[in-house]
Amino acid sequence: MKNPWVAFVLNLLFFGGGYIYNGKRIGLGFALILAWIVIRWGEIAIFLTNLVFSKWIILFSGLVILMFSLAIDAYREARGINAQNKK
């Protein structure tokens, strides 16, 4: 049994962490974690240099939306895995 909330939190904190926990789409999970590291590095670099603060806000907002979308998807995937295992 997979705990949907663990998958949710892992995908919320690390893009793809919930997918790795669920055991499905593991390659996607690792690719998303790598992308998350690169994006966060760029986001922090933009924020610290104060070059384009207005663009940083847009990037940050988009990342928050993406984080919650991936977290909800991992939650639903874990629930689907549990439903299949009960059959």
PDB file of N, CA and C in Angstrom:
ATOM      1  N   MET A   1       0.837  -1.180   0.000  1.00  0.00           N
ATOM      2  CA  MET A   1       0.000   0.000   0.000  1.00  0.00           C
ATOM      3  C   MET A   1       0.886   1.249   0.000  1.00  0.00           C
ATOM      4  N   LYS A   2       0.519   2.163  -0.837  1.00  0.00           N
ATOM      5  CA  LYS A   2       1.226   3.445  -0.912  1.00  0.00           C
ATOM      6  C   LYS A   2       0.405   4.493  -0.180  1.00  0.00           C
ATOM      7  N   ASN A   3       1.078   5.298   0.610  1.00  0.00           N
ATOM      8  CA  ASN A   3       0.408   6.385   1.306  1.00  0.00           C
ATOM      9  C   ASN A   3       0.320   7.577   0.356  1.00  0.00           C
ATOM     10  N   PRO A   4      -0.881   7.966  -0.061  1.00  0.00           N
ATOM     11  CA  PRO A   4      -1.019   9.084  -1.003  1.00  0.00           C
ATOM     12  C   PRO A   4      -0.441  10.388  -0.476  1.00  0.00           C
ATOM     13  N   TRP A   5      -0.500  10.589   0.832  1.00  0.00           N
ATOM     14  CA  TRP A   5       0.021  11.841   1.393  1.00  0.00           C
ATOM     15  C   TRP A   5       1.545  11.890   1.346  1.00  0.00           C
ATOM     16  N   VAL A   6       2.192  10.753   1.478  1.00  0.00           N
ATOM     17  CA  VAL A   6       3.657  10.723   1.341  1.00  0.00           C
ATOM     18  C   VAL A   6       4.028  11.075  -0.094  1.00  0.00           C
ATOM     19  N   ALA A   7       3.320  10.499  -1.057  1.00  0.00           N
ATOM     20  CA  ALA A   7       3.575  10.821  -2.469  1.00  0.00           C
ATOM     21  C   ALA A   7       3.326  12.297  -2.734  1.00  0.00           C
ATOM     22  N   PHE A   8       2.264  12.843  -2.139  1.00  0.00           N
ATOM     23  CA  PHE A   8       1.937  14.261  -2.304  1.00  0.00           C
ATOM     24  C   PHE A   8       3.070  15.148  -1.788  1.00  0.00           C
ATOM     25  N   VAL A   9       3.515  14.880  -0.560  1.00  0.00           N
ATOM     26  CA  VAL A   9       4.559  15.712   0.053  1.00  0.00           C
ATOM     27  C   VAL A   9       5.885  15.570  -0.693  1.00  0.00           C
ATOM     28  N   LEU A  10       6.234  14.356  -1.090  1.00  0.00           N
ATOM     29  CA  LEU A  10       7.492  14.169  -1.824  1.00  0.00           C
ATOM     30  C   LEU A  10       7.479  14.924  -3.149  1.00  0.00           C
ATOM     31  N   ASN A  11       6.362  14.885  -3.866  1.00  0.00           N
ATOM     32  CA  ASN A  11       6.295  15.628  -5.126  1.00  0.00           C
ATOM     33  C   ASN A  11       6.207  17.122  -4.886  1.00  0.00           C
ATOM     34  N   LEU A  12       5.668  17.526  -3.755  1.00  0.00           N
ATOM     35  CA  LEU A  12       5.600  18.946  -3.432  1.00  0.00           C
ATOM     36  C   LEU A  12       6.985  19.488  -3.118  1.00  0.00           C
ATOM     37  N   LEU A  13       7.787  18.715  -2.405  1.00  0.00           N
ATOM     38  CA  LEU A  13       9.126  19.165  -2.020  1.00  0.00           C
ATOM     39  C   LEU A  13      10.157  18.966  -3.122  1.00  0.00           C
ATOM     40  N   PHE A  14      10.068  17.845  -3.817  1.00  0.00           N
ATOM     41  CA  PHE A  14      11.026  17.520  -4.879  1.00  0.00           C
ATOM     42  C   PHE A  14      10.242  17.041  -6.089  1.00  0.00           C
ATOM     43  N   PHE A  15      10.283  17.798  -7.169  1.00  0.00           N
ATOM     44  CA  PHE A  15       9.590  17.348  -8.380  1.00  0.00           C
ATOM     45  C   PHE A  15       9.977  15.901  -8.634  1.00  0.00           C
ATOM     46  N   GLY A  16       9.023  15.024  -8.741  1.00  0.00           N
ATOM     47  CA  GLY A  16       9.299  13.635  -9.090  1.00  0.00           C
ATOM     48  C   GLY A  16       9.520  12.692  -7.926  1.00  0.00           C
ATOM     49  N   GLY A  17       9.686  13.201  -6.720  1.00  0.00           N
ATOM     50  CA  GLY A  17       9.922  12.335  -5.569  1.00  0.00           C
ATOM     51  C   GLY A  17       8.759  11.392  -5.295  1.00  0.00           C
ATOM     52  N   GLY A  18       7.554  11.880  -5.490  1.00  0.00           N
ATOM     53  CA  GLY A  18       6.373  11.047  -5.280  1.00  0.00           C
ATOM     54  C   GLY A  18       6.258   9.933  -6.305  1.00  0.00           C
ATOM     55  N   TYR A  19       6.706  10.212  -7.533  1.00  0.00           N
ATOM     56  CA  TYR A  19       6.672   9.180  -8.576  1.00  0.00           C
ATOM     57  C   TYR A  19       7.652   8.057  -8.254  1.00  0.00           C
ATOM     58  N   ILE A  20       8.803   8.422  -7.737  1.00  0.00           N
ATOM     59  CA  ILE A  20       9.789   7.411  -7.353  1.00  0.00           C
ATOM     60  C   ILE A  20       9.240   6.588  -6.192  1.00  0.00           C
ATOM     61  N   TYR A  21       8.622   7.242  -5.220  1.00  0.00           N
ATOM     62  CA  TYR A  21       8.014   6.542  -4.090  1.00  0.00           C
ATOM     63  C   TYR A  21       6.934   5.575  -4.568  1.00  0.00           C
ATOM     64  N   ASN A  22       6.109   6.006  -5.516  1.00  0.00           N
ATOM     65  CA  ASN A  22       5.038   5.151  -6.022  1.00  0.00           C
ATOM     66  C   ASN A  22       5.564   3.971  -6.824  1.00  0.00           C
ATOM     67  N   GLY A  23       6.770   4.080  -7.348  1.00  0.00           N
ATOM     68  CA  GLY A  23       7.347   2.990  -8.120  1.00  0.00           C
ATOM     69  C   GLY A  23       6.908   2.970  -9.574  1.00  0.00           C
ATOM     70  N   LYS A  24       6.180   3.971  -9.992  1.00  0.00           N
ATOM     71  CA  LYS A  24       5.772   4.111 -11.389  1.00  0.00           C
ATOM     72  C   LYS A  24       6.439   5.370 -11.925  1.00  0.00           C
ATOM     73  N   ARG A  25       6.706   5.360 -13.197  1.00  0.00           N
ATOM     74  CA  ARG A  25       7.327   6.532 -13.840  1.00  0.00           C
ATOM     75  C   ARG A  25       8.593   6.980 -13.099  1.00  0.00           C
ATOM     76  N   ILE A  26       9.436   6.016 -12.764  1.00  0.00           N
ATOM     77  CA  ILE A  26      10.662   6.307 -12.008  1.00  0.00           C
ATOM     78  C   ILE A  26      11.613   7.167 -12.827  1.00  0.00           C
ATOM     79  N   GLY A  27      11.745   6.859 -14.117  1.00  0.00           N
ATOM     80  CA  GLY A  27      12.612   7.672 -14.981  1.00  0.00           C
ATOM     81  C   GLY A  27      12.155   9.119 -15.025  1.00  0.00           C
ATOM     82  N   LEU A  28      10.848   9.315 -15.131  1.00  0.00           N
ATOM     83  CA  LEU A  28      10.291  10.667 -15.096  1.00  0.00           C
ATOM     84  C   LEU A  28      10.591  11.324 -13.763  1.00  0.00           C
ATOM     85  N   GLY A  29      10.486  10.564 -12.687  1.00  0.00           N
ATOM     86  CA  GLY A  29      10.777  11.108 -11.359  1.00  0.00           C
ATOM     87  C   GLY A  29      12.192  11.641 -11.252  1.00  0.00           C
ATOM     88  N   PHE A  30      13.166  10.855 -11.713  1.00  0.00           N
ATOM     89  CA  PHE A  30      14.558  11.312 -11.657  1.00  0.00           C
ATOM     90  C   PHE A  30      14.797  12.496 -12.587  1.00  0.00           C
ATOM     91  N   ALA A  31      14.178  12.500 -13.761  1.00  0.00           N
ATOM     92  CA  ALA A  31      14.322  13.629 -14.686  1.00  0.00           C
ATOM     93  C   ALA A  31      13.738  14.897 -14.072  1.00  0.00           C
ATOM     94  N   LEU A  32      12.601  14.771 -13.405  1.00  0.00           N
ATOM     95  CA  LEU A  32      11.984  15.930 -12.766  1.00  0.00           C
ATOM     96  C   LEU A  32      12.823  16.455 -11.608  1.00  0.00           C
ATOM     97  N   ILE A  33      13.445  15.560 -10.855  1.00  0.00           N
ATOM     98  CA  ILE A  33      14.317  16.003  -9.764  1.00  0.00           C
ATOM     99  C   ILE A  33      15.514  16.759 -10.317  1.00  0.00           C
ATOM    100  N   LEU A  34      16.115  16.245 -11.380  1.00  0.00           N
ATOM    101  CA  LEU A  34      17.236  16.948 -12.006  1.00  0.00           C
ATOM    102  C   LEU A  34      16.799  18.312 -12.530  1.00  0.00           C
ATOM    103  N   ALA A  35      15.649  18.364 -13.188  1.00  0.00           N
ATOM    104  CA  ALA A  35      15.130  19.639 -13.692  1.00  0.00           C
ATOM    105  C   ALA A  35      14.839  20.588 -12.539  1.00  0.00           C
ATOM    106  N   TRP A  36      14.309  20.059 -11.438  1.00  0.00           N
ATOM    107  CA  TRP A  36      14.005  20.880 -10.268  1.00  0.00           C
ATOM    108  C   TRP A  36      15.277  21.532  -9.722  1.00  0.00           C
ATOM    109  N   ILE A  37      16.362  20.774  -9.664  1.00  0.00           N
ATOM    110  CA  ILE A  37      17.635  21.312  -9.163  1.00  0.00           C
ATOM    111  C   ILE A  37      18.120  22.452 -10.052  1.00  0.00           C
ATOM    112  N   VAL A  38      18.068  22.248 -11.356  1.00  0.00           N
ATOM    113  CA  VAL A  38      18.544  23.277 -12.289  1.00  0.00           C
ATOM    114  C   VAL A  38      17.650  24.521 -12.228  1.00  0.00           C
ATOM    115  N   ILE A  39      16.343  24.311 -12.200  1.00  0.00           N
ATOM    116  CA  ILE A  39      15.414  25.445 -12.149  1.00  0.00           C
ATOM    117  C   ILE A  39      15.589  26.224 -10.851  1.00  0.00           C
ATOM    118  N   ARG A  40      15.692  25.522  -9.741  1.00  0.00           N
ATOM    119  CA  ARG A  40      15.865  26.214  -8.452  1.00  0.00           C
ATOM    120  C   ARG A  40      17.181  26.990  -8.424  1.00  0.00           C
ATOM    121  N   TRP A  41      18.235  26.416  -8.979  1.00  0.00           N
ATOM    122  CA  TRP A  41      19.513  27.115  -9.029  1.00  0.00           C
ATOM    123  C   TRP A  41      19.357  28.410  -9.819  1.00  0.00           C
ATOM    124  N   GLY A  42      18.698  28.340 -10.975  1.00  0.00           N
ATOM    125  CA  GLY A  42      18.474  29.536 -11.775  1.00  0.00           C
ATOM    126  C   GLY A  42      17.590  30.533 -11.067  1.00  0.00           C
ATOM    127  N   GLU A  43      16.565  30.046 -10.406  1.00  0.00           N
ATOM    128  CA  GLU A  43      15.651  30.931  -9.679  1.00  0.00           C
ATOM    129  C   GLU A  43      16.388  31.681  -8.565  1.00  0.00           C
ATOM    130  N   ILE A  44      17.198  30.964  -7.816  1.00  0.00           N
ATOM    131  CA  ILE A  44      17.955  31.592  -6.730  1.00  0.00           C
ATOM    132  C   ILE A  44      18.958  32.593  -7.284  1.00  0.00           C
ATOM    133  N   ALA A  45      19.614  32.251  -8.398  1.00  0.00           N
ATOM    134  CA  ALA A  45      20.571  33.172  -9.010  1.00  0.00           C
ATOM    135  C   ALA A  45      19.874  34.456  -9.459  1.00  0.00           C
ATOM    136  N   ILE A  46      18.706  34.337 -10.050  1.00  0.00           N
ATOM    137  CA  ILE A  46      17.951  35.520 -10.480  1.00  0.00           C
ATOM    138  C   ILE A  46      17.554  36.356  -9.269  1.00  0.00           C
ATOM    139  N   PHE A  47      17.064  35.709  -8.231  1.00  0.00           N
ATOM    140  CA  PHE A  47      16.613  36.420  -7.036  1.00  0.00           C
ATOM    141  C   PHE A  47      17.767  37.154  -6.364  1.00  0.00           C
ATOM    142  N   LEU A  48      18.906  36.492  -6.222  1.00  0.00           N
ATOM    143  CA  LEU A  48      20.033  37.098  -5.511  1.00  0.00           C
ATOM    144  C   LEU A  48      20.666  38.248  -6.269  1.00  0.00           C
ATOM    145  N   THR A  49      20.620  38.239  -7.576  1.00  0.00           N
ATOM    146  CA  THR A  49      21.230  39.320  -8.345  1.00  0.00           C
ATOM    147  C   THR A  49      20.305  40.516  -8.506  1.00  0.00           C
ATOM    148  N   ASN A  50      19.021  40.339  -8.196  1.00  0.00           N
ATOM    149  CA  ASN A  50      18.030  41.408  -8.329  1.00  0.00           C
ATOM    150  C   ASN A  50      18.002  42.022  -9.722  1.00  0.00           C
ATOM    151  N   LEU A  51      18.390  41.252 -10.734  1.00  0.00           N
ATOM    152  CA  LEU A  51      18.410  41.781 -12.091  1.00  0.00           C
ATOM    153  C   LEU A  51      17.007  41.975 -12.646  1.00  0.00           C
ATOM    154  N   VAL A  52      16.176  41.008 -12.472  1.00  0.00           N
ATOM    155  CA  VAL A  52      14.825  41.078 -13.022  1.00  0.00           C
ATOM    156  C   VAL A  52      13.843  40.522 -11.994  1.00  0.00           C
ATOM    157  N   PHE A  53      13.597  41.267 -10.941  1.00  0.00           N
ATOM    158  CA  PHE A  53      12.750  40.788  -9.862  1.00  0.00           C
ATOM    159  C   PHE A  53      11.346  40.460 -10.352  1.00  0.00           C
ATOM    160  N   SER A  54      10.822  41.266 -11.287  1.00  0.00           N
ATOM    161  CA  SER A  54       9.466  41.004 -11.779  1.00  0.00           C
ATOM    162  C   SER A  54       9.407  39.665 -12.514  1.00  0.00           C
ATOM    163  N   LYS A  55      10.460  39.295 -13.199  1.00  0.00           N
ATOM    164  CA  LYS A  55      10.505  37.997 -13.885  1.00  0.00           C
ATOM    165  C   LYS A  55      10.637  36.863 -12.876  1.00  0.00           C
ATOM    166  N   TRP A  56      11.328  37.119 -11.771  1.00  0.00           N
ATOM    167  CA  TRP A  56      11.463  36.106 -10.741  1.00  0.00           C
ATOM    168  C   TRP A  56      10.103  35.772 -10.145  1.00  0.00           C
ATOM    169  N   ILE A  57       9.280  36.772  -9.915  1.00  0.00           N
ATOM    170  CA  ILE A  57       7.941  36.543  -9.359  1.00  0.00           C
ATOM    171  C   ILE A  57       7.137  35.638 -10.296  1.00  0.00           C
ATOM    172  N   ILE A  58       7.220  35.883 -11.585  1.00  0.00           N
ATOM    173  CA  ILE A  58       6.505  35.056 -12.563  1.00  0.00           C
ATOM    174  C   ILE A  58       7.034  33.628 -12.528  1.00  0.00           C
ATOM    175  N   LEU A  59       8.344  33.462 -12.519  1.00  0.00           N
ATOM    176  CA  LEU A  59       8.960  32.134 -12.453  1.00  0.00           C
ATOM    177  C   LEU A  59       8.553  31.414 -11.173  1.00  0.00           C
ATOM    178  N   PHE A  60       8.622  32.108 -10.056  1.00  0.00           N
ATOM    179  CA  PHE A  60       8.273  31.513  -8.771  1.00  0.00           C
ATOM    180  C   PHE A  60       6.801  31.080  -8.750  1.00  0.00           C
ATOM    181  N   SER A  61       5.920  31.923  -9.263  1.00  0.00           N
ATOM    182  CA  SER A  61       4.490  31.585  -9.302  1.00  0.00           C
ATOM    183  C   SER A  61       4.246  30.351 -10.164  1.00  0.00           C
ATOM    184  N   GLY A  62       4.894  30.285 -11.310  1.00  0.00           N
ATOM    185  CA  GLY A  62       4.761  29.126 -12.182  1.00  0.00           C
ATOM    186  C   GLY A  62       5.263  27.854 -11.519  1.00  0.00           C
ATOM    187  N   LEU A  63       6.354  27.967 -10.778  1.00  0.00           N
ATOM    188  CA  LEU A  63       6.898  26.794 -10.090  1.00  0.00           C
ATOM    189  C   LEU A  63       5.971  26.314  -8.975  1.00  0.00           C
ATOM    190  N   VAL A  64       5.341  27.231  -8.278  1.00  0.00           N
ATOM    191  CA  VAL A  64       4.405  26.844  -7.221  1.00  0.00           C
ATOM    192  C   VAL A  64       3.213  26.096  -7.827  1.00  0.00           C
ATOM    193  N   ILE A  65       2.693  26.609  -8.933  1.00  0.00           N
ATOM    194  CA  ILE A  65       1.587  25.929  -9.619  1.00  0.00           C
ATOM    195  C   ILE A  65       2.019  24.543 -10.073  1.00  0.00           C
ATOM    196  N   LEU A  66       3.206  24.435 -10.651  1.00  0.00           N
ATOM    197  CA  LEU A  66       3.722  23.149 -11.101  1.00  0.00           C
ATOM    198  C   LEU A  66       3.919  22.188  -9.933  1.00  0.00           C
ATOM    199  N   MET A  67       4.444  22.693  -8.806  1.00  0.00           N
ATOM    200  CA  MET A  67       4.667  21.849  -7.641  1.00  0.00           C
ATOM    201  C   MET A  67       3.357  21.240  -7.147  1.00  0.00           C
ATOM    202  N   PHE A  68       2.322  22.046  -7.035  1.00  0.00           N
ATOM    203  CA  PHE A  68       1.048  21.526  -6.548  1.00  0.00           C
ATOM    204  C   PHE A  68       0.404  20.591  -7.566  1.00  0.00           C
ATOM    205  N   SER A  69       0.569  20.884  -8.847  1.00  0.00           N
ATOM    206  CA  SER A  69       0.014  20.000  -9.874  1.00  0.00           C
ATOM    207  C   SER A  69       0.668  18.622  -9.828  1.00  0.00           C
ATOM    208  N   LEU A  70       1.983  18.591  -9.712  1.00  0.00           N
ATOM    209  CA  LEU A  70       2.693  17.316  -9.618  1.00  0.00           C
ATOM    210  C   LEU A  70       2.349  16.584  -8.327  1.00  0.00           C
ATOM    211  N   ALA A  71       2.184  17.323  -7.236  1.00  0.00           N
ATOM    212  CA  ALA A  71       1.843  16.705  -5.962  1.00  0.00           C
ATOM    213  C   ALA A  71       0.457  16.056  -6.025  1.00  0.00           C
ATOM    214  N   ILE A  72      -0.498  16.748  -6.617  1.00  0.00           N
ATOM    215  CA  ILE A  72      -1.849  16.200  -6.754  1.00  0.00           C
ATOM    216  C   ILE A  72      -1.819  14.965  -7.653  1.00  0.00           C
ATOM    217  N   ASP A  73      -1.031  15.018  -8.720  1.00  0.00           N
ATOM    218  CA  ASP A  73      -0.933  13.869  -9.623  1.00  0.00           C
ATOM    219  C   ASP A  73      -0.351  12.651  -8.911  1.00  0.00           C
ATOM    220  N   ALA A  74       0.693  12.852  -8.123  1.00  0.00           N
ATOM    221  CA  ALA A  74       1.292  11.730  -7.384  1.00  0.00           C
ATOM    222  C   ALA A  74       0.322  11.177  -6.350  1.00  0.00           C
ATOM    223  N   TYR A  75      -0.450  12.044  -5.719  1.00  0.00           N
ATOM    224  CA  TYR A  75      -1.468  11.606  -4.756  1.00  0.00           C
ATOM    225  C   TYR A  75      -2.493  10.706  -5.449  1.00  0.00           C
ATOM    226  N   ARG A  76      -2.984  11.165  -6.590  1.00  0.00           N
ATOM    227  CA  ARG A  76      -3.970  10.381  -7.338  1.00  0.00           C
ATOM    228  C   ARG A  76      -3.372   9.065  -7.830  1.00  0.00           C
ATOM    229  N   GLU A  77      -2.112   9.100  -8.247  1.00  0.00           N
ATOM    230  CA  GLU A  77      -1.461   7.876  -8.710  1.00  0.00           C
ATOM    231  C   GLU A  77      -1.356   6.865  -7.568  1.00  0.00           C
ATOM    232  N   ALA A  78      -0.996   7.322  -6.378  1.00  0.00           N
ATOM    233  CA  ALA A  78      -0.891   6.418  -5.228  1.00  0.00           C
ATOM    234  C   ALA A  78      -2.250   5.823  -4.877  1.00  0.00           C
ATOM    235  N   ARG A  79      -3.288   6.625  -4.955  1.00  0.00           N
ATOM    236  CA  ARG A  79      -4.633   6.099  -4.690  1.00  0.00           C
ATOM    237  C   ARG A  79      -5.019   5.056  -5.740  1.00  0.00           C
ATOM    238  N   GLY A  80      -4.645   5.297  -6.996  1.00  0.00           N
ATOM    239  CA  GLY A  80      -4.912   4.322  -8.054  1.00  0.00           C
ATOM    240  C   GLY A  80      -4.155   3.024  -7.836  1.00  0.00           C
ATOM    241  N   ILE A  81      -2.929   3.119  -7.397  1.00  0.00           N
ATOM    242  CA  ILE A  81      -2.123   1.926  -7.092  1.00  0.00           C
ATOM    243  C   ILE A  81      -2.798   1.139  -5.979  1.00  0.00           C
ATOM    244  N   ASN A  82      -3.239   1.835  -4.942  1.00  0.00           N
ATOM    245  CA  ASN A  82      -3.907   1.148  -3.822  1.00  0.00           C
ATOM    246  C   ASN A  82      -5.210   0.494  -4.273  1.00  0.00           C
ATOM    247  N   ALA A  83      -5.954   1.159  -5.147  1.00  0.00           N
ATOM    248  CA  ALA A  83      -7.212   0.598  -5.628  1.00  0.00           C
ATOM    249  C   ALA A  83      -6.952  -0.671  -6.447  1.00  0.00           C
ATOM    250  N   GLN A  84      -5.902  -0.666  -7.263  1.00  0.00           N
ATOM    251  CA  GLN A  84      -5.552  -1.841  -8.055  1.00  0.00           C
ATOM    252  C   GLN A  84      -5.103  -2.995  -7.170  1.00  0.00           C
ATOM    253  N   ASN A  85      -4.380  -2.688  -6.116  1.00  0.00           N
ATOM    254  CA  ASN A  85      -3.882  -3.732  -5.208  1.00  0.00           C
ATOM    255  C   ASN A  85      -5.010  -4.377  -4.403  1.00  0.00           C
ATOM    256  N   LYS A  86      -6.101  -3.662  -4.196  1.00  0.00           N
ATOM    257  CA  LYS A  86      -7.231  -4.202  -3.439  1.00  0.00           C
ATOM    258  C   LYS A  86      -8.039  -5.194  -4.252  1.00  0.00           C
ATOM    259  N   LYS A  87      -7.958  -5.106  -5.583  1.00  0.00           N
ATOM    260  CA  LYS A  87      -8.755  -5.995  -6.457  1.00  0.00           C
ATOM    261  C   LYS A  87      -8.244  -7.395  -6.451  1.00  0.00           C
TER     262      LYS A  87
END
